[in-house]
Structure formats: C-alpha cells, structure tokens
N, C-alpha and C. Protein backbone atom coordinates (compact mmCIF):
# COMPACT_ATOMS: atom_id res chain seq x y z
N MET A 1 120.72 109.04 87.72
CA MET A 1 120.64 109.87 88.89
C MET A 1 119.71 109.21 89.89
N GLN A 2 120.17 109.01 91.11
CA GLN A 2 119.37 108.37 92.14
C GLN A 2 118.92 109.41 93.14
N SER A 3 117.65 109.32 93.53
CA SER A 3 117.08 110.26 94.48
C SER A 3 116.92 109.59 95.83
N ASP A 4 117.28 110.27 96.88
CA ASP A 4 117.09 109.75 98.22
C ASP A 4 115.75 110.26 98.73
N ALA A 5 114.78 109.34 98.81
CA ALA A 5 113.43 109.74 99.23
C ALA A 5 113.37 110.03 100.72
N GLY A 6 114.38 109.65 101.46
CA GLY A 6 114.35 109.83 102.91
C GLY A 6 114.91 111.17 103.34
N PRO A 7 114.07 112.05 103.90
CA PRO A 7 114.55 113.34 104.37
C PRO A 7 115.25 113.19 105.72
N PRO A 8 115.94 114.22 106.16
CA PRO A 8 116.51 114.16 107.50
C PRO A 8 115.39 114.02 108.53
N ALA A 9 115.71 113.47 109.68
CA ALA A 9 114.71 113.26 110.73
C ALA A 9 114.06 114.59 111.09
N ARG A 10 112.71 114.63 111.02
CA ARG A 10 111.98 115.86 111.32
C ARG A 10 110.83 115.63 112.27
N GLY A 11 110.64 114.42 112.73
CA GLY A 11 109.56 114.16 113.67
C GLY A 11 108.34 113.53 113.00
N ASP A 12 107.50 112.94 113.82
CA ASP A 12 106.34 112.22 113.31
C ASP A 12 105.29 113.14 112.68
N GLY A 13 105.17 114.38 113.14
CA GLY A 13 104.20 115.31 112.56
C GLY A 13 104.51 115.57 111.10
N TRP A 14 105.79 115.78 110.82
CA TRP A 14 106.21 116.02 109.43
C TRP A 14 105.99 114.77 108.59
N LEU A 15 106.34 113.61 109.15
CA LEU A 15 106.14 112.36 108.42
C LEU A 15 104.66 112.10 108.15
N MET A 16 103.81 112.41 109.13
CA MET A 16 102.38 112.20 108.93
C MET A 16 101.85 113.13 107.84
N ASP A 17 102.35 114.35 107.77
CA ASP A 17 101.97 115.26 106.69
C ASP A 17 102.41 114.70 105.34
N GLN A 18 103.60 114.14 105.28
CA GLN A 18 104.09 113.53 104.05
C GLN A 18 103.23 112.33 103.66
N TYR A 19 102.85 111.56 104.67
CA TYR A 19 102.00 110.39 104.43
C TYR A 19 100.65 110.81 103.85
N ARG A 20 100.02 111.80 104.43
CA ARG A 20 98.73 112.30 103.94
C ARG A 20 98.86 112.82 102.50
N ALA A 21 99.92 113.56 102.24
CA ALA A 21 100.14 114.08 100.89
C ALA A 21 100.34 112.93 99.89
N ALA A 22 101.07 111.90 100.29
CA ALA A 22 101.31 110.75 99.41
C ALA A 22 100.01 109.98 99.17
N VAL A 23 99.18 109.83 100.19
CA VAL A 23 97.89 109.16 100.01
C VAL A 23 97.05 109.93 99.00
N GLN A 24 97.03 111.26 99.13
CA GLN A 24 96.26 112.09 98.21
C GLN A 24 96.80 111.96 96.78
N SER A 25 98.11 111.96 96.63
CA SER A 25 98.71 111.83 95.30
C SER A 25 98.39 110.47 94.69
N CYS A 26 98.47 109.43 95.48
CA CYS A 26 98.17 108.08 95.00
C CYS A 26 96.71 108.00 94.56
N THR A 27 95.82 108.57 95.34
CA THR A 27 94.40 108.57 95.01
C THR A 27 94.13 109.35 93.73
N THR A 28 94.75 110.51 93.60
CA THR A 28 94.58 111.34 92.41
C THR A 28 95.08 110.60 91.17
N GLU A 29 96.22 109.95 91.27
CA GLU A 29 96.76 109.17 90.14
C GLU A 29 95.79 108.07 89.72
N GLY A 30 95.21 107.38 90.71
CA GLY A 30 94.27 106.31 90.41
C GLY A 30 93.03 106.81 89.70
N GLN A 31 92.51 107.94 90.16
CA GLN A 31 91.33 108.53 89.52
C GLN A 31 91.66 108.98 88.10
N ALA A 32 92.82 109.57 87.92
CA ALA A 32 93.23 110.01 86.57
C ALA A 32 93.36 108.81 85.64
N TYR A 33 93.87 107.71 86.14
CA TYR A 33 94.03 106.50 85.33
C TYR A 33 92.67 106.03 84.81
N TRP A 34 91.68 105.95 85.69
CA TRP A 34 90.37 105.47 85.28
C TRP A 34 89.68 106.45 84.33
N THR A 35 89.96 107.74 84.49
CA THR A 35 89.45 108.72 83.53
C THR A 35 90.06 108.48 82.16
N ARG A 36 91.37 108.19 82.14
CA ARG A 36 92.04 107.93 80.86
C ARG A 36 91.53 106.66 80.20
N ILE A 37 91.30 105.62 80.99
CA ILE A 37 90.82 104.36 80.39
C ILE A 37 89.43 104.57 79.79
N THR A 38 88.60 105.37 80.44
CA THR A 38 87.28 105.68 79.90
C THR A 38 87.41 106.44 78.58
N ALA A 39 88.30 107.42 78.55
CA ALA A 39 88.52 108.20 77.32
C ALA A 39 89.03 107.29 76.20
N PHE A 40 89.93 106.38 76.52
CA PHE A 40 90.46 105.45 75.53
C PHE A 40 89.35 104.59 74.92
N VAL A 41 88.51 104.02 75.77
CA VAL A 41 87.43 103.16 75.27
C VAL A 41 86.45 103.97 74.43
N LEU A 42 86.11 105.17 74.91
CA LEU A 42 85.18 106.01 74.15
C LEU A 42 85.75 106.43 72.80
N LEU A 43 87.04 106.80 72.78
CA LEU A 43 87.67 107.20 71.52
C LEU A 43 87.68 106.04 70.52
N ASN A 44 88.09 104.88 70.98
CA ASN A 44 88.12 103.74 70.06
C ASN A 44 86.72 103.34 69.62
N SER A 45 85.76 103.45 70.50
CA SER A 45 84.38 103.17 70.12
C SER A 45 83.89 104.17 69.07
N ALA A 46 84.22 105.44 69.26
CA ALA A 46 83.83 106.47 68.29
C ALA A 46 84.49 106.20 66.94
N LEU A 47 85.74 105.78 66.94
CA LEU A 47 86.42 105.46 65.68
C LEU A 47 85.74 104.27 64.99
N LEU A 48 85.32 103.29 65.77
CA LEU A 48 84.62 102.13 65.19
C LEU A 48 83.29 102.55 64.59
N VAL A 49 82.57 103.42 65.29
CA VAL A 49 81.29 103.90 64.77
C VAL A 49 81.52 104.70 63.49
N ALA A 50 82.53 105.57 63.49
CA ALA A 50 82.82 106.38 62.30
C ALA A 50 83.18 105.48 61.12
N ARG A 51 83.96 104.46 61.38
CA ARG A 51 84.36 103.53 60.32
C ARG A 51 83.15 102.78 59.77
N SER A 52 82.27 102.36 60.67
CA SER A 52 81.07 101.62 60.25
C SER A 52 80.07 102.51 59.52
N ALA A 53 80.09 103.80 59.82
CA ALA A 53 79.12 104.72 59.20
C ALA A 53 79.48 105.07 57.76
N LEU A 54 80.71 104.79 57.38
CA LEU A 54 81.11 105.09 56.00
C LEU A 54 80.40 104.15 55.03
N PRO A 55 79.86 104.70 53.96
CA PRO A 55 79.23 103.83 52.96
C PRO A 55 80.28 102.94 52.30
N PRO A 56 79.87 101.74 51.90
CA PRO A 56 80.83 100.84 51.25
C PRO A 56 81.25 101.39 49.89
N GLY A 57 82.40 100.97 49.48
CA GLY A 57 82.87 101.37 48.15
C GLY A 57 84.27 101.93 48.19
N PRO A 58 84.90 102.00 47.02
CA PRO A 58 86.30 102.44 46.94
C PRO A 58 86.50 103.92 47.28
N SER A 59 85.45 104.72 47.21
CA SER A 59 85.63 106.15 47.48
C SER A 59 85.98 106.43 48.95
N ASN A 60 85.70 105.50 49.82
CA ASN A 60 85.98 105.68 51.25
C ASN A 60 87.18 104.86 51.73
N HIS A 61 87.90 104.30 50.80
CA HIS A 61 89.04 103.45 51.16
C HIS A 61 90.04 104.18 52.06
N TRP A 62 90.47 105.37 51.66
CA TRP A 62 91.49 106.09 52.42
C TRP A 62 90.96 106.61 53.76
N ALA A 63 89.67 106.90 53.80
CA ALA A 63 89.08 107.29 55.08
C ALA A 63 89.11 106.10 56.05
N ARG A 64 88.83 104.91 55.55
CA ARG A 64 88.89 103.71 56.40
C ARG A 64 90.32 103.44 56.86
N VAL A 65 91.27 103.62 55.97
CA VAL A 65 92.69 103.44 56.33
C VAL A 65 93.07 104.45 57.40
N ALA A 66 92.68 105.71 57.21
CA ALA A 66 93.02 106.76 58.18
C ALA A 66 92.42 106.46 59.54
N ILE A 67 91.17 106.03 59.58
CA ILE A 67 90.52 105.71 60.85
C ILE A 67 91.22 104.54 61.53
N ALA A 68 91.56 103.51 60.76
CA ALA A 68 92.26 102.35 61.34
C ALA A 68 93.64 102.75 61.86
N LEU A 69 94.35 103.60 61.13
CA LEU A 69 95.66 104.07 61.61
C LEU A 69 95.52 104.89 62.89
N MET A 70 94.47 105.73 62.97
CA MET A 70 94.24 106.48 64.21
C MET A 70 93.96 105.52 65.36
N GLY A 71 93.24 104.44 65.07
CA GLY A 71 92.97 103.43 66.10
C GLY A 71 94.26 102.77 66.59
N VAL A 72 95.15 102.44 65.66
CA VAL A 72 96.43 101.83 66.05
C VAL A 72 97.25 102.81 66.89
N VAL A 73 97.33 104.05 66.45
CA VAL A 73 98.11 105.06 67.18
C VAL A 73 97.54 105.28 68.58
N THR A 74 96.23 105.43 68.68
CA THR A 74 95.64 105.66 70.02
C THR A 74 95.84 104.44 70.91
N THR A 75 95.79 103.26 70.35
CA THR A 75 95.99 102.05 71.15
C THR A 75 97.43 101.96 71.64
N LEU A 76 98.39 102.31 70.79
CA LEU A 76 99.79 102.30 71.22
C LEU A 76 100.04 103.37 72.28
N LEU A 77 99.42 104.52 72.11
CA LEU A 77 99.54 105.56 73.15
C LEU A 77 98.92 105.08 74.45
N TRP A 78 97.81 104.40 74.35
CA TRP A 78 97.18 103.87 75.56
C TRP A 78 98.09 102.84 76.23
N ALA A 79 98.71 101.98 75.44
CA ALA A 79 99.61 100.97 76.01
C ALA A 79 100.72 101.65 76.81
N HIS A 80 101.29 102.71 76.26
CA HIS A 80 102.32 103.46 76.98
C HIS A 80 101.76 104.06 78.27
N THR A 81 100.58 104.66 78.19
CA THR A 81 99.95 105.26 79.36
C THR A 81 99.69 104.21 80.44
N ALA A 82 99.22 103.05 80.03
CA ALA A 82 98.92 101.99 81.00
C ALA A 82 100.18 101.48 81.69
N VAL A 83 101.24 101.31 80.93
CA VAL A 83 102.50 100.85 81.53
C VAL A 83 103.04 101.90 82.50
N ARG A 84 102.98 103.15 82.08
CA ARG A 84 103.43 104.24 82.97
C ARG A 84 102.58 104.29 84.24
N ALA A 85 101.28 104.12 84.10
CA ALA A 85 100.38 104.13 85.27
C ALA A 85 100.71 102.98 86.21
N HIS A 86 101.05 101.83 85.65
CA HIS A 86 101.43 100.68 86.49
C HIS A 86 102.64 101.02 87.36
N PHE A 87 103.67 101.59 86.74
CA PHE A 87 104.88 101.89 87.49
C PHE A 87 104.68 103.07 88.45
N THR A 88 103.83 104.02 88.08
CA THR A 88 103.52 105.12 88.99
C THR A 88 102.78 104.61 90.22
N SER A 89 101.82 103.73 90.00
CA SER A 89 101.08 103.13 91.10
C SER A 89 102.01 102.32 92.00
N ALA A 90 102.88 101.54 91.39
CA ALA A 90 103.84 100.75 92.17
C ALA A 90 104.73 101.66 93.02
N PHE A 91 105.16 102.79 92.45
CA PHE A 91 105.97 103.74 93.22
C PHE A 91 105.22 104.21 94.45
N TRP A 92 103.97 104.68 94.26
CA TRP A 92 103.22 105.22 95.39
C TRP A 92 102.97 104.17 96.45
N LEU A 93 102.69 102.95 96.05
CA LEU A 93 102.43 101.91 97.05
C LEU A 93 103.69 101.58 97.85
N VAL A 94 104.83 101.51 97.20
CA VAL A 94 106.08 101.25 97.93
C VAL A 94 106.42 102.45 98.82
N PHE A 95 106.26 103.65 98.29
CA PHE A 95 106.57 104.86 99.06
C PHE A 95 105.68 104.96 100.29
N LEU A 96 104.39 104.66 100.12
CA LEU A 96 103.46 104.71 101.26
C LEU A 96 103.80 103.64 102.29
N ARG A 97 104.14 102.45 101.85
CA ARG A 97 104.54 101.41 102.81
C ARG A 97 105.80 101.82 103.55
N ASP A 98 106.72 102.49 102.86
CA ASP A 98 107.93 102.98 103.52
C ASP A 98 107.59 104.01 104.59
N LEU A 99 106.71 104.95 104.25
CA LEU A 99 106.30 105.95 105.24
C LEU A 99 105.59 105.30 106.42
N GLU A 100 104.78 104.29 106.16
CA GLU A 100 104.10 103.58 107.26
C GLU A 100 105.12 102.92 108.18
N GLY A 101 106.18 102.37 107.58
CA GLY A 101 107.23 101.77 108.41
C GLY A 101 107.93 102.81 109.26
N ARG A 102 108.21 103.99 108.67
CA ARG A 102 108.89 105.05 109.42
C ARG A 102 107.96 105.68 110.47
N LEU A 103 106.66 105.53 110.29
CA LEU A 103 105.70 106.02 111.29
C LEU A 103 105.35 104.93 112.31
N ASP A 104 106.06 103.82 112.25
CA ASP A 104 105.86 102.69 113.16
C ASP A 104 104.44 102.14 113.14
N MET A 105 103.83 102.15 111.95
CA MET A 105 102.49 101.58 111.82
C MET A 105 102.54 100.05 111.72
N GLY A 106 103.70 99.53 111.34
CA GLY A 106 103.83 98.08 111.19
C GLY A 106 102.85 97.54 110.17
N ASP A 107 102.37 96.32 110.39
CA ASP A 107 101.44 95.69 109.47
C ASP A 107 100.04 96.30 109.55
N ALA A 108 99.80 97.18 110.53
CA ALA A 108 98.49 97.82 110.67
C ALA A 108 98.33 98.99 109.69
N GLY A 109 99.41 99.46 109.09
CA GLY A 109 99.31 100.53 108.10
C GLY A 109 98.46 100.06 106.93
N PRO A 110 97.56 100.90 106.42
CA PRO A 110 96.64 100.44 105.37
C PRO A 110 97.31 99.95 104.10
N TYR A 111 98.40 100.57 103.69
CA TYR A 111 99.04 100.14 102.44
C TYR A 111 99.89 98.90 102.65
N ARG A 112 100.46 98.75 103.82
CA ARG A 112 101.19 97.52 104.13
C ARG A 112 100.18 96.37 104.26
N ALA A 113 99.04 96.62 104.90
CA ALA A 113 98.01 95.59 105.02
C ALA A 113 97.48 95.20 103.64
N LEU A 114 97.28 96.19 102.79
CA LEU A 114 96.80 95.92 101.43
C LEU A 114 97.81 95.09 100.66
N TYR A 115 99.09 95.44 100.78
CA TYR A 115 100.14 94.67 100.12
C TYR A 115 100.12 93.22 100.62
N ASN A 116 100.03 93.06 101.93
CA ASN A 116 99.98 91.71 102.50
C ASN A 116 98.76 90.95 101.99
N TYR A 117 97.65 91.63 101.90
CA TYR A 117 96.42 91.01 101.40
C TYR A 117 96.58 90.58 99.94
N TYR A 118 97.17 91.44 99.12
CA TYR A 118 97.39 91.11 97.71
C TYR A 118 98.35 89.93 97.54
N THR A 119 99.29 89.78 98.45
CA THR A 119 100.27 88.70 98.33
C THR A 119 99.83 87.44 99.08
N ARG A 120 98.55 87.38 99.39
CA ARG A 120 97.91 86.22 100.00
C ARG A 120 98.38 85.94 101.42
N LEU A 121 98.92 86.93 102.08
CA LEU A 121 99.20 86.77 103.49
C LEU A 121 97.91 87.05 104.25
N GLN A 122 97.80 86.46 105.41
CA GLN A 122 96.61 86.71 106.22
C GLN A 122 96.74 88.09 106.86
N VAL A 123 95.67 88.86 106.80
CA VAL A 123 95.64 90.19 107.38
C VAL A 123 94.65 90.17 108.53
N ARG A 124 95.11 90.64 109.69
CA ARG A 124 94.24 90.69 110.86
C ARG A 124 93.90 92.16 111.14
N CYS A 125 92.60 92.45 111.12
CA CYS A 125 92.14 93.81 111.39
C CYS A 125 92.08 94.06 112.89
N ALA A 126 92.06 95.33 113.26
CA ALA A 126 92.04 95.70 114.68
C ALA A 126 90.83 95.10 115.39
N GLY A 127 89.71 94.96 114.71
CA GLY A 127 88.51 94.39 115.33
C GLY A 127 88.54 92.87 115.43
N GLY A 128 89.60 92.24 114.93
CA GLY A 128 89.76 90.80 115.04
C GLY A 128 89.46 90.03 113.76
N ALA A 129 88.87 90.66 112.77
CA ALA A 129 88.57 89.97 111.52
C ALA A 129 89.87 89.58 110.82
N GLU A 130 89.87 88.38 110.24
CA GLU A 130 91.04 87.91 109.51
C GLU A 130 90.65 87.74 108.04
N LEU A 131 91.49 88.29 107.16
CA LEU A 131 91.23 88.27 105.73
C LEU A 131 92.40 87.67 104.98
N ARG A 132 92.08 86.95 103.92
CA ARG A 132 93.11 86.44 103.00
C ARG A 132 92.49 86.42 101.61
N MET A 133 93.16 87.06 100.65
CA MET A 133 92.63 87.11 99.29
C MET A 133 92.79 85.74 98.64
N PRO A 134 91.72 85.23 98.02
CA PRO A 134 91.84 83.95 97.33
C PRO A 134 92.74 84.06 96.11
N TRP A 135 93.33 82.95 95.70
CA TRP A 135 94.28 82.94 94.61
C TRP A 135 93.68 83.48 93.32
N TYR A 136 92.40 83.21 93.06
CA TYR A 136 91.80 83.60 91.79
C TYR A 136 91.49 85.09 91.70
N ALA A 137 91.61 85.81 92.80
CA ALA A 137 91.32 87.25 92.80
C ALA A 137 92.58 88.11 92.84
N ARG A 138 93.74 87.48 92.74
CA ARG A 138 94.99 88.20 92.92
C ARG A 138 95.40 89.07 91.75
N GLY A 139 94.87 88.86 90.59
CA GLY A 139 95.28 89.63 89.43
C GLY A 139 95.01 91.12 89.62
N ASN A 140 95.91 91.94 89.12
CA ASN A 140 95.75 93.39 89.21
C ASN A 140 94.73 93.83 88.16
N VAL A 141 93.58 94.33 88.62
CA VAL A 141 92.50 94.69 87.70
C VAL A 141 92.93 95.81 86.76
N ASN A 142 93.74 96.74 87.23
CA ASN A 142 94.21 97.81 86.35
C ASN A 142 95.04 97.25 85.21
N ASP A 143 95.98 96.38 85.55
CA ASP A 143 96.86 95.82 84.53
C ASP A 143 96.11 94.88 83.58
N SER A 144 95.26 94.01 84.13
CA SER A 144 94.58 93.05 83.28
C SER A 144 93.55 93.74 82.38
N THR A 145 92.83 94.74 82.91
CA THR A 145 91.87 95.48 82.10
C THR A 145 92.60 96.18 80.96
N SER A 146 93.70 96.84 81.28
CA SER A 146 94.46 97.55 80.25
C SER A 146 95.00 96.60 79.21
N ALA A 147 95.54 95.49 79.64
CA ALA A 147 96.13 94.53 78.69
C ALA A 147 95.06 93.96 77.77
N ILE A 148 93.92 93.61 78.32
CA ILE A 148 92.85 93.03 77.50
C ILE A 148 92.31 94.05 76.51
N LEU A 149 91.99 95.25 76.99
CA LEU A 149 91.47 96.28 76.09
C LEU A 149 92.48 96.66 75.02
N THR A 150 93.75 96.80 75.41
CA THR A 150 94.78 97.13 74.44
C THR A 150 94.89 96.04 73.38
N GLY A 151 94.93 94.80 73.82
CA GLY A 151 95.03 93.68 72.88
C GLY A 151 93.85 93.59 71.93
N VAL A 152 92.65 93.73 72.47
CA VAL A 152 91.44 93.63 71.64
C VAL A 152 91.42 94.74 70.60
N PHE A 153 91.63 95.98 71.04
CA PHE A 153 91.57 97.09 70.09
C PHE A 153 92.71 97.03 69.08
N LEU A 154 93.91 96.66 69.52
CA LEU A 154 95.03 96.59 68.58
C LEU A 154 94.78 95.52 67.52
N VAL A 155 94.32 94.35 67.93
CA VAL A 155 94.01 93.29 66.96
C VAL A 155 92.91 93.75 66.01
N LEU A 156 91.88 94.38 66.55
CA LEU A 156 90.79 94.87 65.72
C LEU A 156 91.28 95.83 64.65
N TRP A 157 92.13 96.80 65.06
CA TRP A 157 92.62 97.80 64.09
C TRP A 157 93.59 97.19 63.08
N ILE A 158 94.41 96.25 63.52
CA ILE A 158 95.35 95.62 62.59
C ILE A 158 94.59 94.77 61.58
N VAL A 159 93.57 94.04 62.05
CA VAL A 159 92.74 93.25 61.12
C VAL A 159 92.06 94.19 60.13
N ALA A 160 91.57 95.32 60.60
CA ALA A 160 90.93 96.29 59.70
C ALA A 160 91.90 96.77 58.63
N LEU A 161 93.14 97.04 59.02
CA LEU A 161 94.15 97.50 58.05
C LEU A 161 94.49 96.38 57.07
N VAL A 162 94.66 95.18 57.55
CA VAL A 162 95.01 94.05 56.68
C VAL A 162 93.90 93.80 55.67
N ARG A 163 92.67 93.90 56.10
CA ARG A 163 91.53 93.69 55.18
C ARG A 163 91.47 94.76 54.10
N LEU A 164 92.00 95.96 54.42
CA LEU A 164 91.99 97.05 53.45
C LEU A 164 93.15 96.96 52.47
N ALA A 165 94.14 96.17 52.80
CA ALA A 165 95.34 96.09 51.94
C ALA A 165 95.09 95.34 50.65
C-alpha cells in the first residue's frame, strides 16, 4: 500500500503548519532514540554487574546462563530498535526536505542545508559563512554508535555463553 504524502494545495500557511509539526516530530523521535540508547547501555551494564556479582561455582551456572541470554535478547531488541530509528529518521529528513521544497525555501531550508552539508556539498549561510563537512566527520553518529554498542555487547554475551557451555 502506497501513501501519497502530498495533500491537495492548501496554501503556504497550511504547509508551514505541517512543516512545524514535522520538525517537532523529528525532534521528538531523536530525543526518544537517545533515551532508548541510554536505557540499553544501562540495562546491559546492570546485567554485567549482576553476572559479576555472582559467586563462582557450579551453583550459579544457570543464573549466569540466564543473564547472558537476557543480554543477547536485549541486544537483538536494541539492534531492531536502532535499525527502525535509522529509517524513521531518514523518513523525517526526506519529508522535511520535501516540505521545504514546497515552501520554496530552496537550499536555505535547514534540513536541505543539513543534507547538503552531510553530503559534503558547500553550504552558504545567509550571513555569508561557507561550510563544508570534512570527509572524516561524515559518518552518522546514531548509526555508528548503535552498531558499535550492539556489536560489543553481542560479542560479550555470546562469549559469556560459549564459556559456560
């Protein structure tokens, strides 16, 4: 099922209201993402502390297995959340750039300018400043942070399970 995001022509006031609502939604999604990443790190850290607090010996074997399995499950859930957040963010950025185009903002629209900046195009601000993001800063911090944390925790939990086998 395909959705047509373009409403019938209603004037710039209506489009500007849509733009403001989309900016707010994009901002809220971003804040929720960082809240989730904090919860993920804290949960995995708590699981590591709980696992380390168990006294050594065979009596705690199944508790260690259970904690490691919870770590794997939470890491896989986080991976899904991170991928979904990536595509949600991509949606809002494309949608906002589309609204900026329909509002005749051109390259001066903040999300179009941000996109141009991320893709290493030169961005000229209204005050005359010219900006270009260096090649080494182009990586998406949301995606790279999620990928690194997911990989580290998943490897850690899998190693923990293998050592218990």
